[in-house]
Amino acid sequence: MIDVGTTVTKTALFDFMCRCVDRISCPHHTAGVDPAAAAERLWGTVRKSVLPLAKNNPDYRVAAVGLTGFMHSVIALDQGGKVLPFVAAGGRARQFFDQMVDRFSVEGIYQRTGGRLDVTSVPPQVLAWREHSLAAV
């Protein structure tokens, strides 16, 4: 389980009985940092927290990864694992949010995902970012 908080990334390894086997906390200092640099730091912190858990617990194999934290942030990676620059989607996400609600309805989205969608949610942000990225090509 990886929890990216506002100041610390907490990573834990659980067995199949949901008992915590090992855990590690890695601080990251992203307050006031531009979004691209913050994404790079956060991804680096996640990598730094996962590797020691794997190394210190060789008898365990990862069967699933749970992610939580940092609310509606997106860290996009290229095929080589390098962080892609993420331009804040701003008002463009509203357009995609409205399209999703029109297509699926608020209730339909909740039934499918178990969560509520809003303008700051990852799906409309990623669609707006994708549109921005394609326009820049």
N, C-alpha and C. Protein backbone atom coordinates (compact mmCIF):
# COMPACT_ATOMS: atom_id res chain seq x y z
N MET A 1 0.85 -1.15 0.00
CA MET A 1 0.00 0.00 0.00
C MET A 1 0.90 1.23 0.00
N ILE A 2 0.58 2.17 -0.87
CA ILE A 2 1.36 3.41 -0.98
C ILE A 2 0.42 4.57 -0.70
N ASP A 3 0.76 5.37 0.28
CA ASP A 3 -0.04 6.54 0.64
C ASP A 3 0.83 7.78 0.49
N VAL A 4 0.54 8.57 -0.53
CA VAL A 4 1.28 9.80 -0.75
C VAL A 4 0.55 10.92 -0.02
N GLY A 5 1.10 11.34 1.09
CA GLY A 5 0.51 12.41 1.87
C GLY A 5 1.05 13.76 1.44
N THR A 6 0.68 14.77 2.16
CA THR A 6 1.12 16.12 1.80
C THR A 6 2.59 16.38 2.14
N THR A 7 3.16 15.59 3.07
CA THR A 7 4.57 15.79 3.43
C THR A 7 5.37 14.49 3.46
N VAL A 8 4.70 13.34 3.52
CA VAL A 8 5.38 12.06 3.66
C VAL A 8 4.69 11.02 2.78
N THR A 9 5.49 10.15 2.15
CA THR A 9 4.96 8.99 1.46
C THR A 9 5.16 7.80 2.39
N LYS A 10 4.04 7.13 2.69
CA LYS A 10 4.07 5.96 3.57
C LYS A 10 3.80 4.73 2.72
N THR A 11 4.69 3.75 2.80
CA THR A 11 4.56 2.53 2.02
C THR A 11 4.59 1.36 2.97
N ALA A 12 3.65 0.43 2.79
CA ALA A 12 3.56 -0.72 3.68
C ALA A 12 3.37 -1.99 2.87
N LEU A 13 3.89 -3.07 3.40
CA LEU A 13 3.74 -4.40 2.81
C LEU A 13 2.87 -5.22 3.75
N PHE A 14 1.79 -5.78 3.20
CA PHE A 14 0.86 -6.58 3.98
C PHE A 14 0.86 -8.01 3.46
N ASP A 15 0.62 -8.97 4.38
CA ASP A 15 0.47 -10.35 3.93
C ASP A 15 -0.99 -10.61 3.55
N PHE A 16 -1.30 -11.85 3.15
CA PHE A 16 -2.66 -12.15 2.71
C PHE A 16 -3.68 -12.15 3.84
N MET A 17 -3.22 -12.07 5.07
CA MET A 17 -4.12 -11.98 6.22
C MET A 17 -4.29 -10.51 6.65
N CYS A 18 -3.81 -9.61 5.82
CA CYS A 18 -3.89 -8.16 6.06
C CYS A 18 -3.09 -7.71 7.27
N ARG A 19 -2.04 -8.43 7.58
CA ARG A 19 -1.15 -8.03 8.66
C ARG A 19 0.02 -7.26 8.06
N CYS A 20 0.38 -6.17 8.70
CA CYS A 20 1.49 -5.36 8.22
C CYS A 20 2.80 -6.11 8.47
N VAL A 21 3.54 -6.37 7.40
CA VAL A 21 4.81 -7.08 7.48
C VAL A 21 5.95 -6.08 7.70
N ASP A 22 5.88 -4.97 6.99
CA ASP A 22 6.94 -3.97 7.06
C ASP A 22 6.37 -2.65 6.53
N ARG A 23 6.98 -1.56 6.93
CA ARG A 23 6.54 -0.26 6.42
C ARG A 23 7.71 0.72 6.46
N ILE A 24 7.58 1.75 5.65
CA ILE A 24 8.62 2.77 5.58
C ILE A 24 7.94 4.11 5.29
N SER A 25 8.48 5.17 5.85
CA SER A 25 8.00 6.53 5.59
C SER A 25 9.14 7.35 5.01
N CYS A 26 8.85 8.02 3.91
CA CYS A 26 9.85 8.86 3.25
C CYS A 26 9.30 10.27 3.10
N PRO A 27 9.92 11.26 3.73
CA PRO A 27 9.44 12.63 3.56
C PRO A 27 9.71 13.14 2.15
N HIS A 28 8.82 13.98 1.70
CA HIS A 28 9.06 14.68 0.45
C HIS A 28 8.71 16.14 0.70
N HIS A 29 9.39 17.00 0.03
CA HIS A 29 9.22 18.43 0.26
C HIS A 29 8.72 19.06 -1.04
N THR A 30 7.40 19.05 -1.20
CA THR A 30 6.82 19.53 -2.45
C THR A 30 6.00 20.80 -2.27
N ALA A 31 5.84 21.26 -1.04
CA ALA A 31 5.06 22.49 -0.82
C ALA A 31 5.74 23.66 -1.53
N GLY A 32 4.97 24.37 -2.34
CA GLY A 32 5.47 25.54 -3.04
C GLY A 32 6.32 25.24 -4.26
N VAL A 33 6.44 23.95 -4.61
CA VAL A 33 7.25 23.57 -5.76
C VAL A 33 6.35 23.53 -6.99
N ASP A 34 6.89 23.91 -8.16
CA ASP A 34 6.06 23.90 -9.35
C ASP A 34 5.58 22.47 -9.62
N PRO A 35 4.41 22.30 -10.25
CA PRO A 35 3.80 20.97 -10.41
C PRO A 35 4.70 19.94 -11.07
N ALA A 36 5.46 20.30 -12.09
CA ALA A 36 6.32 19.33 -12.77
C ALA A 36 7.41 18.83 -11.82
N ALA A 37 8.03 19.73 -11.10
CA ALA A 37 9.07 19.32 -10.15
C ALA A 37 8.47 18.53 -9.00
N ALA A 38 7.28 18.92 -8.56
CA ALA A 38 6.62 18.18 -7.47
C ALA A 38 6.33 16.75 -7.91
N ALA A 39 5.84 16.57 -9.13
CA ALA A 39 5.54 15.23 -9.64
C ALA A 39 6.81 14.39 -9.69
N GLU A 40 7.90 14.98 -10.14
CA GLU A 40 9.18 14.27 -10.20
C GLU A 40 9.62 13.85 -8.79
N ARG A 41 9.50 14.74 -7.84
CA ARG A 41 9.88 14.43 -6.45
C ARG A 41 8.98 13.34 -5.86
N LEU A 42 7.68 13.46 -6.10
CA LEU A 42 6.75 12.46 -5.55
C LEU A 42 7.04 11.08 -6.12
N TRP A 43 7.25 10.99 -7.42
CA TRP A 43 7.54 9.69 -8.03
C TRP A 43 8.86 9.14 -7.49
N GLY A 44 9.85 9.99 -7.34
CA GLY A 44 11.12 9.54 -6.77
C GLY A 44 10.95 9.03 -5.35
N THR A 45 10.12 9.69 -4.57
CA THR A 45 9.86 9.25 -3.19
C THR A 45 9.14 7.91 -3.16
N VAL A 46 8.19 7.73 -4.06
CA VAL A 46 7.49 6.43 -4.14
C VAL A 46 8.51 5.34 -4.46
N ARG A 47 9.37 5.58 -5.43
CA ARG A 47 10.37 4.58 -5.79
C ARG A 47 11.31 4.29 -4.61
N LYS A 48 11.73 5.35 -3.91
CA LYS A 48 12.62 5.17 -2.77
C LYS A 48 11.96 4.39 -1.64
N SER A 49 10.65 4.50 -1.52
CA SER A 49 9.97 3.80 -0.44
C SER A 49 9.67 2.35 -0.78
N VAL A 50 9.48 2.04 -2.05
CA VAL A 50 9.14 0.67 -2.46
C VAL A 50 10.37 -0.23 -2.48
N LEU A 51 11.47 0.26 -2.99
CA LEU A 51 12.66 -0.58 -3.15
C LEU A 51 13.17 -1.20 -1.85
N PRO A 52 13.28 -0.44 -0.75
CA PRO A 52 13.74 -1.07 0.49
C PRO A 52 12.78 -2.14 1.02
N LEU A 53 11.48 -1.92 0.83
CA LEU A 53 10.53 -2.95 1.28
C LEU A 53 10.74 -4.25 0.52
N ALA A 54 10.93 -4.16 -0.78
CA ALA A 54 11.16 -5.36 -1.58
C ALA A 54 12.48 -6.03 -1.18
N LYS A 55 13.52 -5.22 -1.00
CA LYS A 55 14.83 -5.76 -0.66
C LYS A 55 14.83 -6.40 0.74
N ASN A 56 14.16 -5.76 1.69
CA ASN A 56 14.16 -6.25 3.08
C ASN A 56 13.21 -7.41 3.30
N ASN A 57 12.36 -7.72 2.32
CA ASN A 57 11.36 -8.78 2.48
C ASN A 57 11.35 -9.69 1.26
N PRO A 58 12.47 -10.38 0.99
CA PRO A 58 12.58 -11.18 -0.24
C PRO A 58 11.62 -12.37 -0.31
N ASP A 59 11.08 -12.78 0.82
CA ASP A 59 10.16 -13.93 0.81
C ASP A 59 8.75 -13.55 0.39
N TYR A 60 8.50 -12.27 0.19
CA TYR A 60 7.16 -11.81 -0.19
C TYR A 60 7.16 -11.35 -1.65
N ARG A 61 6.08 -11.70 -2.33
CA ARG A 61 5.88 -11.25 -3.71
C ARG A 61 4.66 -10.32 -3.73
N VAL A 62 4.75 -9.28 -4.49
CA VAL A 62 3.64 -8.33 -4.59
C VAL A 62 2.55 -8.93 -5.46
N ALA A 63 1.34 -9.01 -4.89
CA ALA A 63 0.18 -9.51 -5.62
C ALA A 63 -0.74 -8.37 -6.05
N ALA A 64 -0.68 -7.26 -5.35
CA ALA A 64 -1.52 -6.10 -5.67
C ALA A 64 -0.88 -4.86 -5.05
N VAL A 65 -1.22 -3.71 -5.62
CA VAL A 65 -0.73 -2.44 -5.11
C VAL A 65 -1.94 -1.55 -4.86
N GLY A 66 -2.02 -1.00 -3.66
CA GLY A 66 -3.06 -0.03 -3.33
C GLY A 66 -2.46 1.34 -3.25
N LEU A 67 -3.12 2.30 -3.87
CA LEU A 67 -2.64 3.68 -3.85
C LEU A 67 -3.67 4.56 -3.19
N THR A 68 -3.18 5.50 -2.42
CA THR A 68 -4.08 6.44 -1.77
C THR A 68 -3.31 7.74 -1.56
N GLY A 69 -4.05 8.79 -1.27
CA GLY A 69 -3.40 10.03 -0.88
C GLY A 69 -3.25 11.05 -1.98
N PHE A 70 -2.78 12.18 -1.59
CA PHE A 70 -2.54 13.36 -2.41
C PHE A 70 -3.73 13.67 -3.30
N MET A 71 -4.85 13.31 -2.82
CA MET A 71 -6.15 13.59 -3.44
C MET A 71 -6.13 13.42 -4.94
N HIS A 72 -6.38 14.45 -5.69
CA HIS A 72 -6.62 14.33 -7.11
C HIS A 72 -5.38 14.64 -7.94
N SER A 73 -4.24 14.28 -7.44
CA SER A 73 -3.01 14.54 -8.18
C SER A 73 -2.77 13.43 -9.20
N VAL A 74 -2.13 13.79 -10.28
CA VAL A 74 -1.80 12.83 -11.33
C VAL A 74 -0.30 12.92 -11.58
N ILE A 75 0.35 11.78 -11.59
CA ILE A 75 1.75 11.72 -12.00
C ILE A 75 1.78 10.80 -13.20
N ALA A 76 1.98 11.37 -14.38
CA ALA A 76 2.01 10.60 -15.61
C ALA A 76 3.45 10.22 -15.93
N LEU A 77 3.65 8.97 -16.38
CA LEU A 77 4.97 8.47 -16.71
C LEU A 77 5.02 8.06 -18.17
N ASP A 78 6.19 8.21 -18.78
CA ASP A 78 6.35 7.69 -20.13
C ASP A 78 6.72 6.21 -20.04
N GLN A 79 6.96 5.56 -21.16
CA GLN A 79 7.25 4.13 -21.18
C GLN A 79 8.52 3.78 -20.42
N GLY A 80 9.43 4.72 -20.29
CA GLY A 80 10.67 4.48 -19.56
C GLY A 80 10.59 4.80 -18.08
N GLY A 81 9.41 5.22 -17.62
CA GLY A 81 9.24 5.54 -16.21
C GLY A 81 9.61 6.97 -15.86
N LYS A 82 9.88 7.80 -16.85
CA LYS A 82 10.21 9.21 -16.61
C LYS A 82 8.92 10.01 -16.46
N VAL A 83 8.92 10.91 -15.49
CA VAL A 83 7.74 11.73 -15.23
C VAL A 83 7.51 12.68 -16.40
N LEU A 84 6.27 12.70 -16.90
CA LEU A 84 5.88 13.62 -17.96
C LEU A 84 5.42 14.93 -17.33
N PRO A 85 5.70 16.05 -17.96
CA PRO A 85 5.23 17.32 -17.40
C PRO A 85 3.71 17.36 -17.39
N PHE A 86 3.16 17.75 -16.28
CA PHE A 86 1.70 17.83 -16.14
C PHE A 86 1.31 19.28 -16.04
N VAL A 87 0.59 19.75 -17.02
CA VAL A 87 0.12 21.14 -17.03
C VAL A 87 -1.24 21.16 -16.35
N ALA A 88 -1.40 22.02 -15.37
CA ALA A 88 -2.69 22.11 -14.68
C ALA A 88 -3.79 22.33 -15.70
N ALA A 89 -4.84 21.52 -15.61
CA ALA A 89 -5.89 21.53 -16.62
C ALA A 89 -6.81 22.73 -16.49
N GLY A 90 -6.91 23.28 -15.32
CA GLY A 90 -7.74 24.46 -15.10
C GLY A 90 -9.17 24.29 -15.54
N GLY A 91 -9.71 25.30 -16.23
CA GLY A 91 -11.11 25.30 -16.64
C GLY A 91 -11.46 24.26 -17.68
N ARG A 92 -10.47 23.72 -18.40
CA ARG A 92 -10.75 22.71 -19.41
C ARG A 92 -11.33 21.45 -18.78
N ALA A 93 -10.97 21.14 -17.56
CA ALA A 93 -11.50 19.95 -16.90
C ALA A 93 -13.02 20.05 -16.72
N ARG A 94 -13.54 21.25 -16.58
CA ARG A 94 -14.99 21.45 -16.43
C ARG A 94 -15.73 20.88 -17.64
N GLN A 95 -15.21 21.14 -18.83
CA GLN A 95 -15.83 20.63 -20.05
C GLN A 95 -15.91 19.11 -20.02
N PHE A 96 -14.84 18.45 -19.63
CA PHE A 96 -14.82 16.99 -19.61
C PHE A 96 -15.67 16.44 -18.48
N PHE A 97 -15.67 17.12 -17.35
CA PHE A 97 -16.56 16.73 -16.26
C PHE A 97 -18.02 16.77 -16.73
N ASP A 98 -18.41 17.85 -17.35
CA ASP A 98 -19.79 17.99 -17.84
C ASP A 98 -20.13 16.90 -18.86
N GLN A 99 -19.20 16.58 -19.75
CA GLN A 99 -19.43 15.53 -20.73
C GLN A 99 -19.63 14.17 -20.05
N MET A 100 -18.84 13.89 -19.03
CA MET A 100 -18.96 12.62 -18.32
C MET A 100 -20.30 12.52 -17.59
N VAL A 101 -20.70 13.60 -16.95
CA VAL A 101 -21.99 13.60 -16.25
C VAL A 101 -23.14 13.46 -17.25
N ASP A 102 -23.05 14.15 -18.38
CA ASP A 102 -24.08 14.03 -19.41
C ASP A 102 -24.18 12.59 -19.91
N ARG A 103 -23.04 11.95 -20.08
CA ARG A 103 -23.05 10.58 -20.63
C ARG A 103 -23.46 9.53 -19.62
N PHE A 104 -22.97 9.64 -18.39
CA PHE A 104 -23.17 8.57 -17.41
C PHE A 104 -24.09 8.93 -16.26
N SER A 105 -24.34 10.20 -15.99
CA SER A 105 -25.09 10.75 -14.85
C SER A 105 -24.27 10.63 -13.57
N VAL A 106 -24.55 11.50 -12.63
CA VAL A 106 -23.84 11.48 -11.35
C VAL A 106 -24.05 10.14 -10.65
N GLU A 107 -25.29 9.68 -10.64
CA GLU A 107 -25.61 8.39 -10.00
C GLU A 107 -24.93 7.23 -10.73
N GLY A 108 -24.92 7.28 -12.06
CA GLY A 108 -24.29 6.22 -12.84
C GLY A 108 -22.80 6.13 -12.58
N ILE A 109 -22.15 7.28 -12.46
CA ILE A 109 -20.72 7.29 -12.15
C ILE A 109 -20.49 6.69 -10.76
N TYR A 110 -21.31 7.07 -9.81
CA TYR A 110 -21.16 6.54 -8.46
C TYR A 110 -21.38 5.02 -8.44
N GLN A 111 -22.38 4.54 -9.16
CA GLN A 111 -22.64 3.09 -9.20
C GLN A 111 -21.48 2.33 -9.83
N ARG A 112 -20.85 2.91 -10.83
CA ARG A 112 -19.74 2.23 -11.52
C ARG A 112 -18.44 2.27 -10.72
N THR A 113 -18.21 3.39 -10.02
CA THR A 113 -16.90 3.58 -9.40
C THR A 113 -16.90 3.54 -7.88
N GLY A 114 -18.08 3.77 -7.28
CA GLY A 114 -18.13 3.85 -5.82
C GLY A 114 -17.64 5.18 -5.31
N GLY A 115 -17.38 6.13 -6.20
CA GLY A 115 -16.90 7.44 -5.80
C GLY A 115 -17.66 8.54 -6.52
N ARG A 116 -17.51 9.72 -6.01
CA ARG A 116 -18.15 10.88 -6.63
C ARG A 116 -17.14 11.59 -7.52
N LEU A 117 -17.62 11.99 -8.67
CA LEU A 117 -16.78 12.69 -9.62
C LEU A 117 -16.98 14.19 -9.44
N ASP A 118 -15.88 14.94 -9.50
CA ASP A 118 -16.00 16.40 -9.55
C ASP A 118 -14.94 16.92 -10.51
N VAL A 119 -14.92 18.21 -10.71
CA VAL A 119 -14.01 18.81 -11.68
C VAL A 119 -12.55 18.53 -11.35
N THR A 120 -12.22 18.37 -10.07
CA THR A 120 -10.84 18.13 -9.69
C THR A 120 -10.48 16.65 -9.67
N SER A 121 -11.42 15.76 -9.99
CA SER A 121 -11.15 14.33 -10.02
C SER A 121 -10.17 14.00 -11.16
N VAL A 122 -9.52 12.87 -11.01
CA VAL A 122 -8.50 12.48 -11.97
C VAL A 122 -9.03 12.33 -13.40
N PRO A 123 -10.17 11.66 -13.67
CA PRO A 123 -10.58 11.48 -15.08
C PRO A 123 -10.74 12.78 -15.87
N PRO A 124 -11.49 13.78 -15.40
CA PRO A 124 -11.57 15.00 -16.21
C PRO A 124 -10.24 15.75 -16.29
N GLN A 125 -9.42 15.67 -15.25
CA GLN A 125 -8.11 16.32 -15.29
C GLN A 125 -7.21 15.67 -16.35
N VAL A 126 -7.21 14.33 -16.40
CA VAL A 126 -6.38 13.63 -17.37
C VAL A 126 -6.86 13.90 -18.80
N LEU A 127 -8.17 13.91 -19.01
CA LEU A 127 -8.69 14.22 -20.35
C LEU A 127 -8.30 15.63 -20.79
N ALA A 128 -8.37 16.59 -19.88
CA ALA A 128 -7.98 17.96 -20.21
C ALA A 128 -6.48 18.03 -20.48
N TRP A 129 -5.70 17.32 -19.69
CA TRP A 129 -4.24 17.29 -19.89
C TRP A 129 -3.90 16.64 -21.23
N ARG A 130 -4.61 15.54 -21.54
CA ARG A 130 -4.39 14.86 -22.82
C ARG A 130 -4.68 15.80 -23.98
N GLU A 131 -5.80 16.50 -23.90
CA GLU A 131 -6.15 17.44 -24.97
C GLU A 131 -5.07 18.52 -25.12
N HIS A 132 -4.61 19.04 -23.99
CA HIS A 132 -3.56 20.06 -24.01
C HIS A 132 -2.28 19.50 -24.63
N SER A 133 -1.92 18.28 -24.25
CA SER A 133 -0.69 17.65 -24.75
C SER A 133 -0.78 17.39 -26.25
N LEU A 134 -1.93 16.93 -26.73
CA LEU A 134 -2.10 16.66 -28.15
C LEU A 134 -2.07 17.96 -28.95
N ALA A 135 -2.62 19.02 -28.39
CA ALA A 135 -2.63 20.31 -29.07
C ALA A 135 -1.21 20.88 -29.19
N ALA A 136 -0.34 20.52 -28.26
CA ALA A 136 1.02 21.04 -28.25
C ALA A 136 1.91 20.32 -29.26
N VAL A 137 1.45 19.20 -29.79
CA VAL A 137 2.27 18.40 -30.72
C VAL A 137 2.23 18.97 -32.11
